[in-house]
Amino acid sequence: MSKPEKIVAIKGMNDILPSDAPLWELFENTAETILKSYGYQKIVTPIVEETGLFKRAIGAVTDIVEKEMYSFTDSMNGDELTLRPEGTAGVVRAVLEHNMVYDGPKRLWYKGPMFRHERPQRGRYRQFFQFGAEAVGFTGPDIDAELIMLCRRLWDDLGLQNVRLELNSIGNAEERLRHRADLIAYFEKHADILDAEAQRRLHSNPLRILDTKNPTMQEMVNGAPQLLSYLGEESLAHFEGVKKLLDRNNVQYTVNPRLVRGLDYYNRTVFEWVTEELGSQGTICAGGRYDPLIEQFGGKATPGVGFAMGIERIIELMKGLGEPAQPSQCDVYMVHQGEEAQVQAFILAERLRDAGLDVVLHCATPTGAGSFKSQMKKADGSGASFAVILGEDEVANNVAAVKSLRGEAGEQQQATVAFDAVVDQIVDAIVGDHDHDHDHVHYHP
């Protein structure tokens, strides 16, 4: 009989292995703590939405809708559905559907997987994870600046270096329309320089041509009309308000007139945090204002602003800082030999967990239960502070051997402790160890 073919992950959809989990947890815990400190609340939306949601929000002539969305027809009822390619549309749909701003503006954050059918490369995957924030119902430049400064606090707390802020304003729809007409006329005069992608976008999404990475087009694009020159009094005042708040808070930035958005719902402030350390995928966070979006969804005109950051790209930067200290797998590792010792080890492990300790119980593998020596090697590798050892002699005498694993070789001590006193002994030792972080212990005598 032939060996079954090995099944592997879909190209561009990656596993997050336990070795990387500490970095992911560090990022998520840091980001969630900062968002909470600014008053943002968590929201969770479905991974699958109606396809029309993204067509209406993102725009039918964008690359995302035209080429990248994972869309399908539900065979049960014929609904047209899509795996979400970004997070803002779903959050705004939920805000509108549940009338969340009836009692005032909302600050929200989310995290989770997004899906786009792109050519996989470093920092660009078909399933990727985003962490985002949305502030809905706020009109002034202060909330734009708050979101930007929130990001800066996150980079500082993570220790990230060489991350810089680019800022621009894309005005309102009327201002963009006047700029668009002049932009198309300018590009038509230089049609011989436009590459195939630019020619395709010329009449459908000419703003995206400004974002080209084609070196042969750079000089021509640099001479294109700048949207900032088309901004009216209100848009300019809003932009100046954002810059003033950033200046007064010592946030360094560069105004990039070529910074635009490929999504139809953006207006006024747009920003990106970028780095040179990830090659072509240097944007780690992008955001901006999207005042028209809720009205596009059929709701009452309600302003909004937000950002989304690519977690995989940030993890790459965090890896460049060096390996973080690996957290201990547990507080206590249970070592046992013999059938009755196994039963008693189960009982004692549950008592220790009741006291708030993390406990790993040694279990058999295909090669057997393992000797005391091999089990103790596992205990030491687990990072546990203590090993609790049960064998035939311990069971017969209703005691357990408790061994300290974290001291120097000469300081590691082993004591024989009455079975019913093991929990008190270990909890007292851990709580009394001021050099060990065990805030989760909640033992109640």
Protein backbone atom coordinates (compact mmCIF):
# COMPACT_ATOMS: atom_id res chain seq x y z
CA MET A 1 0.00 0.00 0.00
CA SER A 2 1.45 3.36 -1.02
CA LYS A 3 2.13 5.97 1.59
CA PRO A 4 -0.51 8.77 1.65
CA GLU A 5 0.67 12.06 0.17
CA LYS A 6 1.58 14.59 2.81
CA ILE A 7 -0.82 17.53 3.10
CA VAL A 8 0.76 20.96 3.53
CA ALA A 9 -0.60 24.45 4.20
CA ILE A 10 -2.05 26.49 1.35
CA LYS A 11 0.55 28.71 -0.26
CA GLY A 12 0.61 32.10 1.44
CA MET A 13 -1.28 30.86 4.51
CA ASN A 14 1.19 30.23 7.31
CA ASP A 15 1.22 28.42 10.62
CA ILE A 16 2.15 30.35 13.76
CA LEU A 17 4.28 27.89 15.70
CA PRO A 18 4.81 27.78 19.48
CA SER A 19 8.35 29.14 19.01
CA ASP A 20 6.90 32.39 17.64
CA ALA A 21 4.01 32.59 20.11
CA PRO A 22 5.91 34.66 22.73
CA LEU A 23 6.48 37.47 20.18
CA TRP A 24 2.84 37.42 19.08
CA GLU A 25 1.66 37.48 22.69
CA LEU A 26 4.04 40.32 23.51
CA PHE A 27 2.72 42.37 20.58
CA GLU A 28 -0.94 41.63 21.29
CA ASN A 29 -0.70 42.23 25.03
CA THR A 30 1.19 45.50 24.50
CA ALA A 31 -1.21 46.74 21.82
CA GLU A 32 -4.31 45.82 23.82
CA THR A 33 -2.97 47.52 26.94
CA ILE A 34 -2.26 50.73 25.03
CA LEU A 35 -5.65 50.74 23.27
CA LYS A 36 -7.37 50.27 26.63
CA SER A 37 -5.38 53.16 28.11
CA TYR A 38 -6.82 55.42 25.38
CA GLY A 39 -10.38 54.26 26.01
CA TYR A 40 -10.80 51.87 23.05
CA GLN A 41 -13.08 48.84 23.37
CA LYS A 42 -12.78 45.49 21.63
CA ILE A 43 -15.13 44.50 18.81
CA VAL A 44 -15.21 41.14 16.99
CA THR A 45 -16.81 40.86 13.55
CA PRO A 46 -17.33 37.80 11.29
CA ILE A 47 -14.57 36.61 8.97
CA VAL A 48 -17.18 36.16 6.20
CA GLU A 49 -19.38 39.03 5.01
CA GLU A 50 -21.65 39.69 2.04
CA THR A 51 -19.54 40.44 -1.04
CA GLY A 52 -21.53 43.62 -1.62
CA LEU A 53 -20.18 45.09 1.63
CA PHE A 54 -16.64 45.21 0.26
CA LYS A 55 -17.65 46.25 -3.24
CA ARG A 56 -19.53 49.20 -1.82
CA ALA A 57 -16.85 50.18 0.70
CA ILE A 58 -13.61 49.47 -1.14
CA GLY A 59 -14.76 50.26 -4.68
CA ALA A 60 -15.49 47.94 -7.56
CA VAL A 61 -12.50 49.13 -9.64
CA THR A 62 -9.82 48.52 -7.01
CA ASP A 63 -7.27 45.70 -7.20
CA ILE A 64 -8.69 44.19 -4.02
CA VAL A 65 -12.19 43.73 -5.45
CA GLU A 66 -11.12 42.99 -9.02
CA LYS A 67 -8.36 40.47 -8.36
CA GLU A 68 -7.67 39.69 -4.70
CA MET A 69 -10.88 38.82 -2.83
CA TYR A 70 -11.72 35.25 -1.90
CA SER A 71 -15.38 35.27 -2.95
CA PHE A 72 -17.77 32.37 -3.35
CA THR A 73 -21.44 31.49 -3.69
CA ASP A 74 -22.95 29.80 -0.64
CA SER A 75 -24.22 26.47 -2.00
CA MET A 76 -26.91 26.34 0.68
CA ASN A 77 -28.77 29.52 -0.26
CA GLY A 78 -26.99 31.23 -3.16
CA ASP A 79 -25.63 34.15 -1.09
CA GLU A 80 -22.54 35.88 -2.51
CA LEU A 81 -19.97 35.85 0.30
CA THR A 82 -16.35 36.95 0.75
CA LEU A 83 -13.59 36.28 3.23
CA ARG A 84 -12.84 39.74 4.62
CA PRO A 85 -9.89 41.43 2.86
CA GLU A 86 -9.72 44.23 5.47
CA GLY A 87 -11.30 45.12 8.79
CA THR A 88 -12.81 48.60 8.56
CA ALA A 89 -15.82 47.72 6.41
CA GLY A 90 -16.99 45.00 8.81
CA VAL A 91 -16.55 47.19 11.88
CA VAL A 92 -18.48 50.08 10.31
CA ARG A 93 -21.20 47.66 9.17
CA ALA A 94 -21.53 46.47 12.78
CA VAL A 95 -21.61 50.06 14.10
CA LEU A 96 -24.46 50.88 11.72
CA GLU A 97 -26.36 47.61 12.15
CA HIS A 98 -26.38 47.86 15.95
CA ASN A 99 -26.85 51.64 16.06
CA MET A 100 -23.77 51.87 18.27
CA VAL A 101 -23.35 55.66 18.07
CA TYR A 102 -26.89 56.48 19.20
CA ASP A 103 -25.52 57.47 22.60
CA GLY A 104 -22.30 59.08 21.39
CA PRO A 105 -19.05 58.39 19.53
CA LYS A 106 -17.23 55.07 19.93
CA ARG A 107 -13.58 54.10 20.10
CA LEU A 108 -13.14 50.49 18.94
CA TRP A 109 -10.30 48.05 18.23
CA TYR A 110 -10.12 44.64 16.55
CA LYS A 111 -7.67 41.96 15.57
CA GLY A 112 -7.84 38.90 13.36
CA PRO A 113 -7.09 37.27 10.01
CA MET A 114 -7.72 38.94 6.65
CA PHE A 115 -7.58 37.28 3.22
CA ARG A 116 -6.31 38.45 -0.16
CA HIS A 117 -5.29 36.35 -3.15
CA GLU A 118 -1.90 37.94 -3.75
CA ARG A 119 1.49 36.62 -4.83
CA PRO A 120 3.01 35.55 -1.51
CA GLN A 121 6.27 37.23 -0.53
CA ARG A 122 7.94 38.48 2.61
CA GLY A 123 5.42 40.57 4.54
CA ARG A 124 2.58 39.89 2.06
CA TYR A 125 0.50 36.76 2.54
CA ARG A 126 -2.85 35.37 1.45
CA GLN A 127 -3.97 34.99 5.05
CA PHE A 128 -2.50 37.75 7.15
CA PHE A 129 -3.30 39.22 10.54
CA GLN A 130 -4.22 42.80 11.30
CA PHE A 131 -4.64 44.83 14.45
CA GLY A 132 -6.79 47.89 13.91
CA ALA A 133 -8.61 50.72 15.62
CA GLU A 134 -11.63 52.76 14.52
CA ALA A 135 -12.94 55.97 16.11
CA VAL A 136 -16.49 56.62 14.88
CA GLY A 137 -18.46 59.82 15.48
CA PHE A 138 -15.54 62.23 16.01
CA THR A 139 -15.08 65.16 13.62
CA GLY A 140 -11.99 67.11 14.65
CA PRO A 141 -8.28 66.73 13.94
CA ASP A 142 -7.70 65.75 17.57
CA ILE A 143 -8.87 62.16 17.08
CA ASP A 144 -6.67 61.81 13.97
CA ALA A 145 -3.67 62.94 16.02
CA GLU A 146 -4.67 60.64 18.91
CA LEU A 147 -4.57 57.56 16.70
CA ILE A 148 -1.17 58.55 15.32
CA MET A 149 0.27 59.16 18.79
CA LEU A 150 -1.23 55.88 19.98
CA CYS A 151 0.81 54.13 17.28
CA ARG A 152 3.97 55.95 18.31
CA ARG A 153 3.46 54.80 21.89
CA LEU A 154 3.17 51.22 20.64
CA TRP A 155 6.44 51.42 18.67
CA ASP A 156 8.17 52.90 21.72
CA ASP A 157 6.84 50.23 24.08
CA LEU A 158 7.86 47.45 21.66
CA GLY A 159 11.31 49.01 21.28
CA LEU A 160 11.03 49.38 17.50
CA GLN A 161 13.58 51.64 15.84
CA ASN A 162 13.67 53.34 12.43
CA VAL A 163 9.90 53.60 12.01
CA ARG A 164 8.87 56.92 10.49
CA LEU A 165 5.55 58.66 9.91
CA GLU A 166 4.35 59.92 6.51
CA LEU A 167 1.34 62.22 6.46
CA ASN A 168 -0.93 63.77 3.84
CA SER A 169 -4.44 65.08 3.27
CA ILE A 170 -6.53 63.91 0.32
CA GLY A 171 -9.29 66.46 0.95
CA ASN A 172 -12.93 65.81 0.16
CA ALA A 173 -14.65 64.25 -2.84
CA GLU A 174 -15.13 67.55 -4.69
CA GLU A 175 -11.48 68.52 -4.25
CA ARG A 176 -10.32 65.10 -5.39
CA LEU A 177 -12.60 65.29 -8.42
CA ARG A 178 -10.97 68.53 -9.61
CA HIS A 179 -7.54 67.10 -8.95
CA ARG A 180 -8.47 63.85 -10.69
CA ALA A 181 -9.42 65.63 -13.92
CA ASP A 182 -6.11 67.49 -14.02
CA LEU A 183 -4.20 64.36 -13.03
CA ILE A 184 -5.68 62.32 -15.88
CA ALA A 185 -4.91 65.13 -18.33
CA TYR A 186 -1.31 65.24 -17.08
CA PHE A 187 -0.83 61.48 -17.37
CA GLU A 188 -2.39 61.46 -20.85
CA LYS A 189 0.30 63.92 -21.95
CA HIS A 190 2.89 61.38 -20.77
CA ALA A 191 1.11 58.25 -21.98
CA ASP A 192 4.29 56.96 -23.60
CA ILE A 193 5.92 56.67 -20.14
CA LEU A 194 3.03 54.89 -18.42
CA ASP A 195 3.51 51.17 -17.82
CA ALA A 196 0.70 48.67 -18.41
CA GLU A 197 -0.56 48.87 -14.82
CA ALA A 198 -0.69 52.68 -14.94
CA GLN A 199 -2.53 52.65 -18.26
CA ARG A 200 -5.09 50.25 -16.78
CA ARG A 201 -5.63 52.57 -13.81
CA LEU A 202 -5.59 55.84 -15.76
CA HIS A 203 -9.35 56.37 -15.88
CA SER A 204 -10.48 54.05 -13.09
CA ASN A 205 -8.13 54.91 -10.21
CA PRO A 206 -5.48 57.46 -11.32
CA LEU A 207 -4.51 58.32 -7.73
CA ARG A 208 -2.88 54.91 -7.41
CA ILE A 209 -0.47 55.77 -10.22
CA LEU A 210 1.12 58.26 -7.82
CA ASP A 211 2.06 55.30 -5.63
CA THR A 212 3.97 53.49 -8.39
CA LYS A 213 7.26 51.79 -7.59
CA ASN A 214 8.34 51.76 -11.27
CA PRO A 215 11.66 53.69 -11.38
CA THR A 216 11.17 54.70 -15.03
CA MET A 217 8.00 56.60 -14.05
CA GLN A 218 9.29 58.32 -10.92
CA GLU A 219 10.44 61.61 -12.46
CA MET A 220 7.22 61.97 -14.43
CA VAL A 221 5.07 61.15 -11.38
CA ASN A 222 7.02 63.64 -9.24
CA GLY A 223 5.90 66.39 -11.61
CA ALA A 224 2.19 65.47 -11.42
CA PRO A 225 -0.32 67.92 -9.88
CA GLN A 226 -0.35 67.61 -6.09
CA LEU A 227 -3.64 67.10 -4.34
CA LEU A 228 -2.61 69.44 -1.52
CA SER A 229 -2.84 72.33 -3.99
CA TYR A 230 -6.56 71.59 -4.51
CA LEU A 231 -7.61 71.59 -0.86
CA GLY A 232 -10.20 74.12 0.25
CA GLU A 233 -10.25 76.11 3.47
CA GLU A 234 -11.91 73.45 5.66
CA SER A 235 -9.66 70.61 4.51
CA LEU A 236 -6.56 72.73 4.97
CA ALA A 237 -7.65 73.81 8.45
CA HIS A 238 -8.23 70.20 9.46
CA PHE A 239 -4.82 69.17 8.16
CA GLU A 240 -3.11 72.05 9.92
CA GLY A 241 -4.90 71.05 13.13
CA VAL A 242 -3.50 67.53 12.92
CA LYS A 243 0.03 68.80 12.25
CA LYS A 244 -0.15 71.30 15.13
CA LEU A 245 -1.08 68.59 17.64
CA LEU A 246 1.68 66.32 16.38
CA ASP A 247 4.20 69.17 16.51
CA ARG A 248 3.26 70.10 20.07
CA ASN A 249 3.68 66.45 21.11
CA ASN A 250 7.07 66.10 19.40
CA VAL A 251 5.86 63.56 16.84
CA GLN A 252 8.22 63.63 13.87
CA TYR A 253 6.61 63.28 10.44
CA THR A 254 7.10 63.96 6.76
CA VAL A 255 4.33 65.42 4.59
CA ASN A 256 4.25 63.16 1.53
CA PRO A 257 2.06 64.68 -1.21
CA ARG A 258 2.11 61.34 -3.07
CA LEU A 259 0.62 59.42 -0.15
CA VAL A 260 -2.87 58.40 -1.30
CA ARG A 261 -5.38 55.65 -0.67
CA GLY A 262 -6.60 53.03 -3.09
CA LEU A 263 -9.85 52.61 -1.15
CA ASP A 264 -12.77 54.86 -2.08
CA TYR A 265 -13.96 55.65 1.42
CA TYR A 266 -10.97 57.70 2.63
CA ASN A 267 -10.95 61.52 2.89
CA ARG A 268 -8.82 64.22 4.51
CA THR A 269 -6.08 62.83 6.78
CA VAL A 270 -4.13 59.79 5.56
CA PHE A 271 -0.99 58.44 7.20
CA GLU A 272 1.46 55.56 7.10
CA TRP A 273 4.15 54.30 9.44
CA VAL A 274 6.97 52.91 7.30
CA THR A 275 10.37 51.30 7.73
CA GLU A 276 13.30 50.55 5.42
CA GLU A 277 14.02 47.24 7.17
CA LEU A 278 11.41 45.09 5.39
CA GLY A 279 12.29 45.72 1.76
CA SER A 280 9.41 46.61 -0.54
CA GLN A 281 6.79 45.78 2.12
CA GLY A 282 7.86 48.68 4.32
CA THR A 283 4.44 49.93 5.46
CA ILE A 284 3.61 48.45 8.85
CA CYS A 285 0.56 50.60 9.62
CA ALA A 286 -1.76 52.66 7.43
CA GLY A 287 -4.76 54.74 8.34
CA GLY A 288 -6.85 57.77 7.73
CA ARG A 289 -10.24 59.42 7.85
CA TYR A 290 -13.32 57.90 6.17
CA ASP A 291 -16.20 60.30 6.83
CA PRO A 292 -18.33 59.16 3.83
CA LEU A 293 -18.36 55.45 4.64
CA ILE A 294 -21.36 55.06 6.97
CA GLU A 295 -23.49 57.16 4.60
CA GLN A 296 -22.35 54.88 1.75
CA PHE A 297 -23.72 51.99 3.81
CA GLY A 298 -27.12 53.66 4.10
CA GLY A 299 -26.69 55.28 7.51
CA LYS A 300 -26.80 58.88 8.66
CA ALA A 301 -23.65 60.84 7.88
CA THR A 302 -21.17 59.95 10.65
CA PRO A 303 -17.45 60.73 10.63
CA GLY A 304 -14.82 58.06 11.21
CA VAL A 305 -11.07 57.56 11.31
CA GLY A 306 -8.88 54.53 11.93
CA PHE A 307 -5.83 52.49 11.14
CA ALA A 308 -4.77 48.90 10.51
CA MET A 309 -1.35 47.41 11.13
CA GLY A 310 0.08 44.20 9.70
CA ILE A 311 1.05 42.00 12.62
CA GLU A 312 3.40 39.75 10.63
CA ARG A 313 5.46 42.75 9.52
CA ILE A 314 5.71 44.06 13.07
CA ILE A 315 6.76 40.61 14.28
CA GLU A 316 9.56 40.70 11.68
CA LEU A 317 10.79 43.98 13.15
CA MET A 318 10.54 42.59 16.67
CA LYS A 319 12.65 39.60 15.67
CA GLY A 320 15.36 42.04 14.62
CA LEU A 321 15.60 43.21 18.23
CA GLY A 322 16.81 39.77 19.34
CA GLU A 323 15.12 36.77 20.84
CA PRO A 324 12.85 37.58 23.78
CA ALA A 325 13.21 35.64 26.99
CA GLN A 326 11.22 32.45 26.61
CA PRO A 327 8.48 32.29 29.22
CA SER A 328 8.33 29.30 31.52
CA GLN A 329 6.02 26.60 30.27
CA CYS A 330 4.75 26.00 33.79
CA ASP A 331 5.33 26.51 37.53
CA VAL A 332 5.36 22.83 38.46
CA TYR A 333 6.26 19.68 36.52
CA MET A 334 4.79 16.42 37.84
CA VAL A 335 7.19 13.44 37.69
CA HIS A 336 5.80 9.98 38.52
CA GLN A 337 6.58 6.30 38.16
CA GLY A 338 4.08 3.50 38.60
CA GLU A 339 0.31 3.15 38.21
CA GLU A 340 -0.70 4.36 41.68
CA ALA A 341 1.81 7.22 41.53
CA GLN A 342 0.21 8.34 38.25
CA VAL A 343 -3.22 8.50 39.91
CA GLN A 344 -1.84 10.49 42.85
CA ALA A 345 0.04 12.80 40.46
CA PHE A 346 -3.25 13.58 38.68
CA ILE A 347 -4.92 14.42 42.00
CA LEU A 348 -2.07 16.62 43.18
CA ALA A 349 -1.78 18.39 39.81
CA GLU A 350 -5.44 19.39 40.02
CA ARG A 351 -4.99 20.72 43.55
CA LEU A 352 -2.03 22.82 42.40
CA ARG A 353 -4.06 24.18 39.47
CA ASP A 354 -6.88 25.03 41.88
CA ALA A 355 -4.31 27.19 43.69
CA GLY A 356 -3.63 29.12 40.49
CA LEU A 357 -0.40 27.41 39.43
CA ASP A 358 0.48 26.23 35.93
CA VAL A 359 1.20 22.50 36.03
CA VAL A 360 2.46 20.08 33.39
CA LEU A 361 1.85 16.41 34.13
CA HIS A 362 4.28 14.02 32.50
CA CYS A 363 2.41 11.69 30.14
CA ALA A 364 3.52 8.59 28.28
CA THR A 365 4.76 8.67 24.69
CA PRO A 366 4.93 5.81 22.16
CA THR A 367 8.28 4.84 23.71
CA GLY A 368 6.82 4.54 27.20
CA ALA A 369 6.41 6.57 30.38
CA GLY A 370 10.13 7.30 30.69
CA SER A 371 12.53 6.84 33.56
CA PHE A 372 12.83 9.23 36.49
CA LYS A 373 16.01 10.58 34.88
CA SER A 374 14.36 11.30 31.50
CA GLN A 375 11.32 12.84 33.22
CA MET A 376 13.52 15.13 35.30
CA LYS A 377 15.24 16.25 32.10
CA LYS A 378 11.82 17.19 30.73
CA ALA A 379 10.99 18.99 33.97
CA ASP A 380 14.16 21.07 33.78
CA GLY A 381 13.52 21.94 30.10
CA SER A 382 9.98 23.09 30.87
CA GLY A 383 11.23 26.10 32.82
CA ALA A 384 9.27 24.98 35.89
CA SER A 385 10.27 26.34 39.28
CA PHE A 386 9.58 23.02 40.98
CA ALA A 387 9.38 19.33 40.17
CA VAL A 388 7.02 17.22 42.26
CA ILE A 389 8.14 13.60 42.27
CA LEU A 390 5.96 10.59 43.11
CA GLY A 391 7.10 6.97 43.10
CA GLU A 392 6.16 3.77 44.91
CA ASP A 393 7.93 4.81 48.12
CA GLU A 394 6.28 8.25 48.16
CA VAL A 395 2.82 6.79 47.59
CA ALA A 396 3.34 4.20 50.31
CA ASN A 397 4.27 6.95 52.78
CA ASN A 398 1.66 9.49 51.57
CA VAL A 399 4.36 12.06 50.74
CA ALA A 400 5.86 13.72 47.65
CA ALA A 401 9.39 14.85 46.86
CA VAL A 402 9.46 18.55 45.98
CA LYS A 403 12.60 19.71 44.19
CA SER A 404 13.55 23.33 43.41
CA LEU A 405 14.80 23.56 39.80
CA ARG A 406 15.75 27.20 39.32
CA GLY A 407 18.61 27.78 41.74
CA GLU A 408 22.29 27.14 41.09
CA ALA A 409 23.25 23.48 41.03
CA GLY A 410 24.40 23.62 44.64
CA GLU A 411 21.31 25.52 45.72
CA GLN A 412 18.72 23.16 44.25
CA GLN A 413 17.02 21.55 47.19
CA GLN A 414 14.75 18.56 47.50
CA ALA A 415 12.41 18.05 50.41
CA THR A 416 10.01 15.32 51.39
CA VAL A 417 6.60 16.89 52.00
CA ALA A 418 3.36 15.35 53.27
CA PHE A 419 0.97 14.90 50.35
CA ASP A 420 -1.65 17.27 51.80
CA ALA A 421 0.99 19.98 52.46
CA VAL A 422 2.54 20.10 48.96
CA VAL A 423 0.25 22.87 47.68
CA ASP A 424 0.94 25.14 50.69
CA GLN A 425 4.67 24.48 50.45
CA ILE A 426 4.95 25.40 46.77
CA VAL A 427 2.56 28.36 46.86
CA ASP A 428 4.40 29.85 49.85
CA ALA A 429 7.74 29.40 48.07
CA ILE A 430 6.55 31.04 44.85
CA VAL A 431 4.66 33.90 46.49
CA GLY A 432 7.66 34.60 48.68
CA ASP A 433 10.05 34.69 45.71
CA HIS A 434 10.06 38.39 44.83
CA ASP A 435 12.23 37.73 41.79
CA HIS A 436 9.60 35.52 40.19
CA ASP A 437 6.53 36.98 38.45
CA HIS A 438 3.52 34.98 39.58
CA ASP A 439 0.77 37.54 39.91
CA HIS A 440 -1.72 34.92 38.67
CA VAL A 441 -1.46 32.85 41.88
CA HIS A 442 -4.81 33.01 43.63
CA TYR A 443 -4.45 30.37 46.33
CA HIS A 444 -7.10 30.47 49.06
CA PRO A 445 -6.37 28.32 52.13
